[in-house]
């Protein structure tokens, strides 16, 4: 009777170890005093000092954060509107084509997306003279194009499971469609919107393939910089940089989880108060 739970727990522990032991070992060796990334030479913070004194890494990090923040915000706005349109307007002319265009980046290889974005920017530069050079703007547009798909999928799924009678009740009480959207629909699907924004931010911050096609000289993002350094061998400063990224992501995930938990608790409390008021 106890063999099955033991087997499942063993598989669970092995899975977590397979995922997190390499990350923990990388974080451990980021405090290595030796110049060799995998040979322990004593405890030291020297690589963190060199990391924060490296202007190239700081510049690449700032550029990546700007691109991720901008692309995630615009992708969330556009993806939310597309998700609402697909969830609330079941039948309209061109729905099949629109759905295909929205979901295409999910199954499209990143290489194809990167090449098509590069060709588009080259043709636009020849026809209208814009963009004059590839950099922040071209990377951001390319990231918005493929990350908005994930936001649309998340928002559409949340709206599909949402009780439509809540919106209908608000309209019966005299609310305008815009008021229903801002006062009822958006607060209910806010956790999905926040999840979509976080996913779009993470995908943009982590992208290498599409960014390599749409960037230009002097616009090196952090993933491309890390990739170029790793090709020459992993050094302790890369371990320190990766450790900082892991810690920032962990704090962001914990903060997002706390916000979502509070939002869900507030929504449950409002539902209970509404039920109590009607009884």
Protein backbone atom coordinates (compact mmCIF):
# COMPACT_ATOMS: atom_id res chain seq x y z
CA UNK A 1 0.00 0.00 0.00
CA UNK A 2 2.89 2.40 0.75
CA UNK A 3 4.97 1.56 -2.31
CA UNK A 4 3.01 3.82 -4.64
CA UNK A 5 3.26 6.99 -2.49
CA UNK A 6 6.96 6.25 -1.96
CA UNK A 7 7.48 5.89 -5.70
CA UNK A 8 5.59 9.11 -6.41
CA UNK A 9 7.56 11.01 -3.76
CA UNK A 10 10.81 9.66 -5.20
CA UNK A 11 9.83 10.83 -8.67
CA UNK A 12 8.84 14.22 -7.28
CA UNK A 13 12.13 14.63 -5.41
CA UNK A 14 14.12 13.53 -8.45
CA UNK A 15 12.26 16.00 -10.65
CA UNK A 16 12.87 18.91 -8.28
CA UNK A 17 16.51 17.89 -7.87
CA UNK A 18 16.96 17.69 -11.64
CA UNK A 19 15.59 21.22 -12.01
CA UNK A 20 17.04 23.02 -9.00
CA UNK A 21 20.34 21.32 -8.09
CA UNK A 22 22.13 22.85 -11.14
CA UNK A 23 20.74 26.28 -10.23
CA UNK A 24 21.81 25.92 -6.59
CA UNK A 25 25.27 24.74 -7.60
CA UNK A 26 25.60 27.73 -9.93
CA UNK A 27 24.64 30.07 -7.09
CA UNK A 28 27.10 28.31 -4.78
CA UNK A 29 30.02 28.71 -7.20
CA UNK A 30 29.17 32.39 -7.72
CA UNK A 31 30.85 32.93 -4.33
CA UNK A 32 33.96 31.10 -5.48
CA UNK A 33 37.28 32.87 -5.01
CA UNK A 34 38.93 30.90 -7.80
CA UNK A 35 38.87 32.07 -11.43
CA UNK A 36 37.78 28.56 -12.42
CA UNK A 37 33.99 28.34 -12.30
CA UNK A 38 33.85 24.70 -11.14
CA UNK A 39 36.86 24.54 -8.81
CA UNK A 40 36.25 25.78 -5.29
CA UNK A 41 38.95 28.14 -4.09
CA UNK A 42 37.35 29.70 -1.05
CA UNK A 43 34.47 32.00 -0.22
CA UNK A 44 34.51 35.48 -1.73
CA UNK A 45 32.24 38.28 -2.99
CA UNK A 46 34.83 39.51 -5.48
CA UNK A 47 32.91 38.45 -8.57
CA UNK A 48 29.84 40.41 -7.48
CA UNK A 49 32.02 43.50 -7.11
CA UNK A 50 33.46 42.99 -10.58
CA UNK A 51 29.98 42.32 -11.94
CA UNK A 52 28.52 45.61 -10.71
CA UNK A 53 31.62 47.46 -11.89
CA UNK A 54 31.27 46.08 -15.44
CA UNK A 55 29.75 48.88 -17.55
CA UNK A 56 29.03 46.51 -20.44
CA UNK A 57 26.85 44.26 -18.30
CA UNK A 58 25.11 47.21 -16.64
CA UNK A 59 24.31 48.76 -20.02
CA UNK A 60 23.01 45.45 -21.40
CA UNK A 61 20.88 44.90 -18.28
CA UNK A 62 19.32 48.37 -18.47
CA UNK A 63 18.54 47.90 -22.17
CA UNK A 64 16.98 44.48 -21.57
CA UNK A 65 14.84 45.80 -18.72
CA UNK A 66 13.63 48.74 -20.82
CA UNK A 67 12.71 46.44 -23.70
CA UNK A 68 11.01 43.90 -21.41
CA UNK A 69 8.99 46.52 -19.53
CA UNK A 70 7.85 48.30 -22.70
CA UNK A 71 7.06 45.19 -24.71
CA UNK A 72 5.27 43.48 -21.80
CA UNK A 73 3.09 46.53 -21.17
CA UNK A 74 2.05 47.00 -24.80
CA UNK A 75 1.67 43.24 -25.31
CA UNK A 76 -0.62 43.09 -22.26
CA UNK A 77 -2.79 45.96 -23.53
CA UNK A 78 -3.13 44.54 -27.05
CA UNK A 79 -3.38 40.92 -25.87
CA UNK A 80 -6.11 41.78 -23.34
CA UNK A 81 -8.18 43.52 -26.02
CA UNK A 82 -7.72 40.55 -28.37
CA UNK A 83 -8.65 38.08 -25.62
CA UNK A 84 -11.81 40.02 -24.77
CA UNK A 85 -12.78 40.15 -28.44
CA UNK A 86 -12.32 36.40 -28.90
CA UNK A 87 -14.11 35.49 -25.66
CA UNK A 88 -17.06 37.88 -25.85
CA UNK A 89 -17.70 38.10 -29.60
CA UNK A 90 -18.26 34.53 -30.62
CA UNK A 91 -19.20 35.26 -34.23
CA UNK A 92 -17.85 38.04 -36.41
CA UNK A 93 -16.48 38.29 -39.92
CA UNK A 94 -12.86 37.24 -40.07
CA UNK A 95 -12.83 35.53 -36.66
CA UNK A 96 -11.06 32.43 -38.02
CA UNK A 97 -8.38 34.52 -39.69
CA UNK A 98 -7.99 36.70 -36.60
CA UNK A 99 -7.67 33.64 -34.35
CA UNK A 100 -5.07 32.15 -36.66
CA UNK A 101 -3.03 35.37 -36.70
CA UNK A 102 -3.17 35.63 -32.92
CA UNK A 103 -2.14 32.03 -32.23
CA UNK A 104 0.42 31.68 -35.05
CA UNK A 105 3.42 32.89 -32.96
CA UNK A 106 2.73 30.12 -30.45
CA UNK A 107 3.59 27.41 -32.98
CA UNK A 108 5.91 29.40 -35.21
CA UNK A 109 9.62 28.65 -34.71
CA UNK A 110 11.47 31.65 -33.31
CA UNK A 111 13.93 31.52 -36.18
CA UNK A 112 11.10 32.09 -38.67
CA UNK A 113 9.69 34.92 -36.56
CA UNK A 114 13.12 36.53 -36.30
CA UNK A 115 13.83 36.28 -40.04
CA UNK A 116 10.39 37.63 -40.98
CA UNK A 117 10.79 40.55 -38.56
CA UNK A 118 14.23 41.32 -39.99
CA UNK A 119 12.92 41.26 -43.57
CA UNK A 120 10.01 43.52 -42.59
CA UNK A 121 12.29 46.12 -41.03
CA UNK A 122 14.66 46.01 -44.01
CA UNK A 123 11.80 46.54 -46.49
CA UNK A 124 10.31 49.34 -44.37
CA UNK A 125 13.69 51.06 -44.24
CA UNK A 126 13.91 50.92 -48.04
CA UNK A 127 10.33 52.07 -48.67
CA UNK A 128 9.72 54.74 -46.04
CA UNK A 129 13.16 55.24 -44.52
CA UNK A 130 12.18 53.86 -41.12
CA UNK A 131 13.70 52.38 -39.07
CA UNK A 132 17.00 54.05 -39.80
CA UNK A 133 18.82 51.50 -37.63
CA UNK A 134 17.90 48.40 -35.68
CA UNK A 135 17.93 48.62 -31.92
CA UNK A 136 15.53 49.33 -29.05
CA UNK A 137 12.49 50.07 -31.24
CA UNK A 138 12.82 47.11 -33.58
CA UNK A 139 13.51 44.66 -30.75
CA UNK A 140 10.52 45.95 -28.79
CA UNK A 141 8.15 45.66 -31.76
CA UNK A 142 9.31 42.10 -32.43
CA UNK A 143 8.88 41.15 -28.78
CA UNK A 144 5.38 42.65 -28.66
CA UNK A 145 4.44 40.63 -31.74
CA UNK A 146 5.15 37.23 -30.23
CA UNK A 147 4.52 37.90 -26.52
CA UNK A 148 1.02 39.34 -26.97
CA UNK A 149 -0.07 35.87 -28.08
CA UNK A 150 0.52 34.47 -24.61
CA UNK A 151 -1.42 37.30 -22.98
CA UNK A 152 -4.33 36.75 -25.37
CA UNK A 153 -4.45 33.03 -24.59
CA UNK A 154 -4.41 33.58 -20.82
CA UNK A 155 -7.05 36.34 -20.86
CA UNK A 156 -9.30 34.42 -23.24
CA UNK A 157 -9.12 31.31 -21.05
CA UNK A 158 -10.01 33.34 -17.95
CA UNK A 159 -12.94 35.04 -19.65
CA UNK A 160 -14.24 31.72 -20.98
CA UNK A 161 -14.54 30.41 -17.42
CA UNK A 162 -16.01 33.65 -16.06
CA UNK A 163 -19.71 33.84 -15.20
CA UNK A 164 -21.28 36.09 -17.85
CA UNK A 165 -24.31 36.71 -15.64
CA UNK A 166 -22.21 39.08 -13.51
CA UNK A 167 -21.73 41.40 -16.48
CA UNK A 168 -25.37 41.03 -17.49
CA UNK A 169 -26.50 41.93 -13.97
CA UNK A 170 -24.34 45.06 -14.05
CA UNK A 171 -25.88 46.11 -17.35
CA UNK A 172 -29.38 45.43 -16.02
CA UNK A 173 -28.61 47.81 -13.15
CA UNK A 174 -27.87 50.59 -15.63
CA UNK A 175 -24.13 50.35 -16.21
CA UNK A 176 -22.80 51.25 -19.62
CA UNK A 177 -20.71 48.64 -21.51
CA UNK A 178 -17.56 50.66 -20.82
CA UNK A 179 -18.42 50.81 -17.11
CA UNK A 180 -19.02 47.06 -17.04
CA UNK A 181 -15.61 46.55 -18.61
CA UNK A 182 -13.74 48.82 -16.19
CA UNK A 183 -15.72 48.11 -13.01
CA UNK A 184 -16.57 44.42 -13.38
CA UNK A 185 -14.69 42.57 -16.10
CA UNK A 186 -11.17 43.96 -15.70
CA UNK A 187 -11.05 43.62 -11.88
CA UNK A 188 -12.19 40.00 -12.14
CA UNK A 189 -9.64 39.06 -14.80
CA UNK A 190 -6.87 41.18 -13.23
CA UNK A 191 -4.95 38.09 -11.99
CA UNK A 192 -4.93 36.75 -15.56
CA UNK A 193 -3.77 40.12 -16.90
CA UNK A 194 -0.99 40.27 -14.32
CA UNK A 195 0.03 36.70 -15.13
CA UNK A 196 0.12 37.58 -18.83
CA UNK A 197 2.27 40.63 -18.13
CA UNK A 198 4.73 38.62 -16.06
CA UNK A 199 4.93 35.93 -18.73
CA UNK A 200 5.46 38.50 -21.48
CA UNK A 201 8.12 40.26 -19.38
CA UNK A 202 9.95 36.98 -18.72
CA UNK A 203 9.83 35.87 -22.36
CA UNK A 204 11.09 39.24 -23.57
CA UNK A 205 13.87 39.40 -20.98
CA UNK A 206 14.98 35.86 -21.85
CA UNK A 207 14.80 35.99 -25.65
CA UNK A 208 17.93 35.43 -27.71
CA UNK A 209 16.89 34.19 -31.15
CA UNK A 210 14.45 36.91 -32.22
CA UNK A 211 16.55 39.61 -30.57
CA UNK A 212 19.65 38.54 -32.49
CA UNK A 213 17.79 39.13 -35.78
CA UNK A 214 16.30 42.49 -34.87
CA UNK A 215 19.17 44.15 -33.00
CA UNK A 216 22.01 46.19 -34.36
CA UNK A 217 25.51 47.35 -33.39
CA UNK A 218 25.69 48.93 -29.95
CA UNK A 219 22.37 47.41 -28.80
CA UNK A 220 23.43 44.22 -27.07
CA UNK A 221 20.86 42.83 -24.66
CA UNK A 222 21.73 40.86 -21.56
CA UNK A 223 20.86 37.36 -22.92
CA UNK A 224 22.96 37.96 -26.04
CA UNK A 225 25.84 39.22 -23.89
CA UNK A 226 25.62 36.15 -21.65
CA UNK A 227 25.48 33.88 -24.69
CA UNK A 228 28.58 35.47 -26.19
CA UNK A 229 30.47 35.10 -22.89
CA UNK A 230 29.37 31.51 -22.27
CA UNK A 231 30.62 30.45 -25.70
CA UNK A 232 34.15 31.26 -24.44
CA UNK A 233 33.58 29.36 -21.19
CA UNK A 234 31.60 29.87 -18.00
CA UNK A 235 33.31 32.26 -15.61
CA UNK A 236 32.43 33.12 -11.99
CA UNK A 237 31.11 36.56 -12.97
CA UNK A 238 28.52 34.83 -15.18
CA UNK A 239 27.52 32.71 -12.19
CA UNK A 240 27.17 35.89 -10.13
CA UNK A 241 25.06 37.53 -12.84
CA UNK A 242 22.83 34.46 -13.12
CA UNK A 243 22.45 34.38 -9.33
CA UNK A 244 21.31 38.00 -9.28
CA UNK A 245 18.78 37.25 -12.04
CA UNK A 246 17.45 34.21 -10.15
CA UNK A 247 17.02 36.25 -6.97
CA UNK A 248 15.25 39.08 -8.79
CA UNK A 249 12.91 36.62 -10.50
CA UNK A 250 12.22 34.84 -7.21
CA UNK A 251 11.31 38.13 -5.52
CA UNK A 252 9.09 39.07 -8.47
CA UNK A 253 7.30 35.73 -8.43
CA UNK A 254 6.76 35.95 -4.66
CA UNK A 255 5.43 39.49 -4.96
CA UNK A 256 3.12 38.53 -7.83
CA UNK A 257 1.86 35.55 -5.87
CA UNK A 258 1.13 37.78 -2.89
CA UNK A 259 -0.76 40.28 -5.07
CA UNK A 260 -2.77 37.52 -6.73
CA UNK A 261 -3.56 35.95 -3.35
CA UNK A 262 -4.79 39.28 -1.97
CA UNK A 263 -6.83 39.92 -5.10
CA UNK A 264 -8.46 36.50 -4.87
CA UNK A 265 -9.22 36.97 -1.17
CA UNK A 266 -10.75 40.39 -1.86
CA UNK A 267 -12.88 38.94 -4.66
CA UNK A 268 -14.14 36.12 -2.43
CA UNK A 269 -14.94 38.62 0.30
CA UNK A 270 -16.89 40.81 -2.12
CA UNK A 271 -18.86 37.79 -3.33
CA UNK A 272 -19.70 36.78 0.23
CA UNK A 273 -20.82 40.33 1.07
CA UNK A 274 -22.99 40.43 -2.05
CA UNK A 275 -24.59 37.10 -1.17
CA UNK A 276 -25.19 38.25 2.41
CA UNK A 277 -26.77 41.49 1.18
CA UNK A 278 -29.19 39.63 -1.09
CA UNK A 279 -30.32 37.16 1.56
